[in-house]
Amino acid sequence: MKIPDKVKIGGKSYEIIIQNLRKETASGEFSMLQPAVQRIWISNEMTQEQQEVSFFHEIIEAIKFDNDLESTHQTLQTLTEQLYQVLKDNNLLK
């Protein structure tokens, strides 16, 4: 799957930036959502599959943020992993 440069989530356009995040964040994260500036950052130090999972994770984070949904990070991680696996196993990723 090719991760796009932009993605529309809930009517908002988010810029997707893929680069070395350890230079950008002190926390050592491998992906990050910045809803105030509508950006999603994904580390280029991960495998393609890890980047794809992180892309879906940040989309779910944006949906959660925009809709003020309550959930733990573990719940989001589980939903992301399971959704990705369904899409991958059924050849729905292009």
N, C-alpha and C. Protein backbone atom coordinates (compact mmCIF):
# COMPACT_ATOMS: atom_id res chain seq x y z
N MET A 1 0.84 -1.18 0.00
CA MET A 1 0.00 0.00 0.00
C MET A 1 0.90 1.25 0.00
N LYS A 2 0.56 2.20 -0.83
CA LYS A 2 1.27 3.47 -0.82
C LYS A 2 0.54 4.42 0.12
N ILE A 3 1.23 4.90 1.13
CA ILE A 3 0.64 5.87 2.05
C ILE A 3 0.58 7.20 1.32
N PRO A 4 -0.60 7.82 1.29
CA PRO A 4 -0.76 9.07 0.53
C PRO A 4 -0.08 10.26 1.23
N ASP A 5 0.09 11.34 0.49
CA ASP A 5 0.64 12.58 1.04
C ASP A 5 -0.40 13.32 1.88
N LYS A 6 -1.67 13.07 1.57
CA LYS A 6 -2.79 13.71 2.30
C LYS A 6 -3.90 12.70 2.45
N VAL A 7 -4.68 12.87 3.51
CA VAL A 7 -5.85 12.03 3.72
C VAL A 7 -6.93 12.90 4.36
N LYS A 8 -8.17 12.69 3.95
CA LYS A 8 -9.29 13.43 4.50
C LYS A 8 -9.93 12.59 5.59
N ILE A 9 -10.06 13.16 6.79
CA ILE A 9 -10.65 12.47 7.94
C ILE A 9 -11.70 13.39 8.54
N GLY A 10 -12.95 12.96 8.51
CA GLY A 10 -14.02 13.77 9.10
C GLY A 10 -14.13 15.16 8.50
N GLY A 11 -13.89 15.27 7.22
CA GLY A 11 -14.01 16.56 6.54
C GLY A 11 -12.77 17.43 6.62
N LYS A 12 -11.73 16.96 7.30
CA LYS A 12 -10.49 17.73 7.41
C LYS A 12 -9.39 17.03 6.62
N SER A 13 -8.57 17.81 5.95
CA SER A 13 -7.44 17.26 5.21
C SER A 13 -6.21 17.26 6.10
N TYR A 14 -5.61 16.09 6.24
CA TYR A 14 -4.39 15.93 7.04
C TYR A 14 -3.22 15.68 6.11
N GLU A 15 -2.13 16.39 6.34
CA GLU A 15 -0.89 16.17 5.61
C GLU A 15 -0.18 14.98 6.25
N ILE A 16 0.35 14.07 5.44
CA ILE A 16 1.10 12.92 5.93
C ILE A 16 2.58 13.19 5.69
N ILE A 17 3.36 13.14 6.76
CA ILE A 17 4.79 13.40 6.66
C ILE A 17 5.53 12.14 7.11
N ILE A 18 6.33 11.60 6.20
CA ILE A 18 7.11 10.40 6.53
C ILE A 18 8.58 10.80 6.56
N GLN A 19 9.17 10.73 7.74
CA GLN A 19 10.57 11.08 7.91
C GLN A 19 11.05 10.54 9.25
N ASN A 20 12.32 10.77 9.56
CA ASN A 20 12.90 10.32 10.82
C ASN A 20 12.29 11.13 11.97
N LEU A 21 11.44 10.49 12.77
CA LEU A 21 10.76 11.21 13.84
C LEU A 21 11.62 11.44 15.07
N ARG A 22 12.62 10.63 15.28
CA ARG A 22 13.44 10.82 16.48
C ARG A 22 14.13 12.17 16.46
N LYS A 23 14.33 12.71 15.28
CA LYS A 23 14.89 14.05 15.17
C LYS A 23 13.83 15.11 15.49
N GLU A 24 12.56 14.76 15.30
CA GLU A 24 11.46 15.72 15.47
C GLU A 24 10.86 15.71 16.87
N THR A 25 10.89 14.55 17.54
CA THR A 25 10.24 14.44 18.85
C THR A 25 11.24 13.94 19.88
N ALA A 26 11.10 14.44 21.08
CA ALA A 26 11.96 13.99 22.17
C ALA A 26 11.45 12.69 22.76
N SER A 27 10.22 12.34 22.47
CA SER A 27 9.60 11.17 23.10
C SER A 27 9.98 9.85 22.43
N GLY A 28 10.59 9.91 21.26
CA GLY A 28 10.98 8.68 20.58
C GLY A 28 9.83 7.95 19.91
N GLU A 29 8.72 8.63 19.66
CA GLU A 29 7.56 8.01 19.02
C GLU A 29 7.87 7.67 17.57
N PHE A 30 7.16 6.69 17.06
CA PHE A 30 7.33 6.31 15.66
C PHE A 30 6.20 6.81 14.77
N SER A 31 5.13 7.32 15.39
CA SER A 31 4.08 8.01 14.64
C SER A 31 3.41 8.98 15.60
N MET A 32 2.78 10.01 15.02
CA MET A 32 2.24 11.06 15.87
C MET A 32 1.15 11.82 15.10
N LEU A 33 0.09 12.16 15.80
CA LEU A 33 -0.98 12.97 15.26
C LEU A 33 -0.87 14.37 15.85
N GLN A 34 -0.96 15.38 15.00
CA GLN A 34 -1.03 16.76 15.44
C GLN A 34 -2.33 17.36 14.91
N PRO A 35 -3.44 17.17 15.65
CA PRO A 35 -4.74 17.62 15.14
C PRO A 35 -4.85 19.12 14.95
N ALA A 36 -4.17 19.92 15.76
CA ALA A 36 -4.27 21.37 15.65
C ALA A 36 -3.75 21.89 14.31
N VAL A 37 -2.76 21.20 13.75
CA VAL A 37 -2.20 21.62 12.46
C VAL A 37 -2.50 20.61 11.35
N GLN A 38 -3.34 19.63 11.68
CA GLN A 38 -3.79 18.61 10.72
C GLN A 38 -2.64 17.91 10.02
N ARG A 39 -1.76 17.33 10.86
CA ARG A 39 -0.61 16.57 10.34
C ARG A 39 -0.53 15.21 11.02
N ILE A 40 -0.09 14.25 10.24
CA ILE A 40 0.24 12.92 10.74
C ILE A 40 1.68 12.67 10.38
N TRP A 41 2.48 12.34 11.38
CA TRP A 41 3.90 12.04 11.19
C TRP A 41 4.10 10.54 11.32
N ILE A 42 4.87 9.97 10.42
CA ILE A 42 5.19 8.54 10.45
C ILE A 42 6.69 8.39 10.23
N SER A 43 7.32 7.60 11.08
CA SER A 43 8.76 7.42 10.98
C SER A 43 9.13 6.59 9.77
N ASN A 44 10.17 7.01 9.09
CA ASN A 44 10.68 6.25 7.94
C ASN A 44 11.65 5.16 8.39
N GLU A 45 11.85 5.02 9.68
CA GLU A 45 12.75 4.00 10.21
C GLU A 45 12.06 2.65 10.42
N MET A 46 10.76 2.60 10.15
CA MET A 46 10.00 1.36 10.32
C MET A 46 9.87 0.63 8.99
N THR A 47 9.48 -0.64 9.07
CA THR A 47 9.19 -1.39 7.85
C THR A 47 7.93 -0.82 7.20
N GLN A 48 7.69 -1.19 5.95
CA GLN A 48 6.49 -0.73 5.25
C GLN A 48 5.23 -1.14 6.00
N GLU A 49 5.19 -2.38 6.48
CA GLU A 49 4.01 -2.84 7.23
C GLU A 49 3.81 -2.04 8.50
N GLN A 50 4.88 -1.74 9.23
CA GLN A 50 4.77 -0.94 10.44
C GLN A 50 4.29 0.48 10.13
N GLN A 51 4.75 1.03 9.01
CA GLN A 51 4.28 2.35 8.60
C GLN A 51 2.78 2.33 8.29
N GLU A 52 2.34 1.28 7.62
CA GLU A 52 0.92 1.15 7.28
C GLU A 52 0.07 1.02 8.55
N VAL A 53 0.50 0.21 9.49
CA VAL A 53 -0.23 0.07 10.76
C VAL A 53 -0.27 1.42 11.47
N SER A 54 0.84 2.12 11.51
CA SER A 54 0.89 3.43 12.17
C SER A 54 -0.02 4.43 11.48
N PHE A 55 -0.09 4.37 10.16
CA PHE A 55 -0.99 5.24 9.40
C PHE A 55 -2.44 5.02 9.83
N PHE A 56 -2.86 3.76 9.91
CA PHE A 56 -4.23 3.46 10.35
C PHE A 56 -4.44 3.86 11.80
N HIS A 57 -3.43 3.65 12.63
CA HIS A 57 -3.54 4.02 14.04
C HIS A 57 -3.79 5.53 14.18
N GLU A 58 -3.06 6.32 13.45
CA GLU A 58 -3.23 7.77 13.55
C GLU A 58 -4.56 8.24 12.97
N ILE A 59 -5.08 7.54 11.98
CA ILE A 59 -6.43 7.84 11.48
C ILE A 59 -7.45 7.60 12.58
N ILE A 60 -7.34 6.48 13.27
CA ILE A 60 -8.26 6.18 14.36
C ILE A 60 -8.10 7.20 15.49
N GLU A 61 -6.86 7.61 15.76
CA GLU A 61 -6.62 8.66 16.77
C GLU A 61 -7.33 9.96 16.38
N ALA A 62 -7.26 10.33 15.10
CA ALA A 62 -7.92 11.56 14.63
C ALA A 62 -9.44 11.46 14.78
N ILE A 63 -10.00 10.31 14.45
CA ILE A 63 -11.44 10.10 14.62
C ILE A 63 -11.81 10.22 16.09
N LYS A 64 -11.01 9.60 16.95
CA LYS A 64 -11.23 9.67 18.40
C LYS A 64 -11.18 11.12 18.86
N PHE A 65 -10.15 11.87 18.44
CA PHE A 65 -9.98 13.26 18.85
C PHE A 65 -11.16 14.12 18.38
N ASP A 66 -11.50 14.02 17.11
CA ASP A 66 -12.57 14.86 16.54
C ASP A 66 -13.94 14.60 17.14
N ASN A 67 -14.14 13.38 17.63
CA ASN A 67 -15.45 13.01 18.16
C ASN A 67 -15.45 12.88 19.68
N ASP A 68 -14.35 13.27 20.30
CA ASP A 68 -14.23 13.24 21.76
C ASP A 68 -14.62 11.87 22.33
N LEU A 69 -14.08 10.83 21.69
CA LEU A 69 -14.37 9.46 22.12
C LEU A 69 -13.45 9.04 23.24
N GLU A 70 -13.99 8.26 24.15
CA GLU A 70 -13.21 7.73 25.27
C GLU A 70 -12.70 6.34 24.91
N SER A 71 -11.42 6.13 25.02
CA SER A 71 -10.85 4.79 24.87
C SER A 71 -9.40 4.83 25.32
N THR A 72 -8.91 3.68 25.70
CA THR A 72 -7.51 3.59 26.12
C THR A 72 -6.63 3.44 24.88
N HIS A 73 -5.36 3.69 25.07
CA HIS A 73 -4.42 3.50 23.97
C HIS A 73 -4.37 2.03 23.58
N GLN A 74 -4.50 1.14 24.54
CA GLN A 74 -4.51 -0.30 24.25
C GLN A 74 -5.69 -0.67 23.35
N THR A 75 -6.86 -0.09 23.61
CA THR A 75 -8.03 -0.35 22.77
C THR A 75 -7.78 0.11 21.34
N LEU A 76 -7.21 1.31 21.19
CA LEU A 76 -6.91 1.82 19.86
C LEU A 76 -5.88 0.94 19.15
N GLN A 77 -4.89 0.50 19.90
CA GLN A 77 -3.86 -0.36 19.32
C GLN A 77 -4.46 -1.67 18.84
N THR A 78 -5.34 -2.26 19.64
CA THR A 78 -5.99 -3.52 19.26
C THR A 78 -6.87 -3.34 18.03
N LEU A 79 -7.67 -2.28 18.00
CA LEU A 79 -8.53 -2.01 16.84
C LEU A 79 -7.68 -1.81 15.58
N THR A 80 -6.60 -1.09 15.71
CA THR A 80 -5.72 -0.85 14.57
C THR A 80 -5.13 -2.14 14.04
N GLU A 81 -4.56 -2.94 14.92
CA GLU A 81 -3.93 -4.20 14.51
C GLU A 81 -4.93 -5.14 13.85
N GLN A 82 -6.12 -5.25 14.41
CA GLN A 82 -7.13 -6.15 13.86
C GLN A 82 -7.66 -5.65 12.52
N LEU A 83 -7.91 -4.35 12.40
CA LEU A 83 -8.36 -3.78 11.13
C LEU A 83 -7.31 -3.99 10.06
N TYR A 84 -6.06 -3.70 10.39
CA TYR A 84 -4.98 -3.89 9.43
C TYR A 84 -4.90 -5.34 8.97
N GLN A 85 -5.03 -6.27 9.91
CA GLN A 85 -4.93 -7.68 9.56
C GLN A 85 -6.05 -8.11 8.61
N VAL A 86 -7.27 -7.62 8.85
CA VAL A 86 -8.39 -7.94 7.96
C VAL A 86 -8.13 -7.39 6.56
N LEU A 87 -7.68 -6.15 6.49
CA LEU A 87 -7.41 -5.54 5.18
C LEU A 87 -6.28 -6.25 4.46
N LYS A 88 -5.24 -6.62 5.17
CA LYS A 88 -4.08 -7.29 4.59
C LYS A 88 -4.43 -8.71 4.13
N ASP A 89 -5.08 -9.47 5.00
CA ASP A 89 -5.40 -10.87 4.70
C ASP A 89 -6.38 -11.03 3.56
N ASN A 90 -7.21 -10.00 3.35
CA ASN A 90 -8.19 -10.06 2.29
C ASN A 90 -7.81 -9.25 1.05
N ASN A 91 -6.53 -8.93 0.95
CA ASN A 91 -5.99 -8.20 -0.20
C ASN A 91 -6.74 -6.91 -0.52
N LEU A 92 -7.08 -6.17 0.54
CA LEU A 92 -7.81 -4.92 0.37
C LEU A 92 -6.89 -3.70 0.36
N LEU A 93 -5.60 -3.94 0.60
CA LEU A 93 -4.63 -2.84 0.56
C LEU A 93 -3.99 -2.80 -0.82
N LYS A 94 -3.97 -1.69 -1.43
CA LYS A 94 -3.41 -1.56 -2.79
C LYS A 94 -2.17 -0.70 -2.74
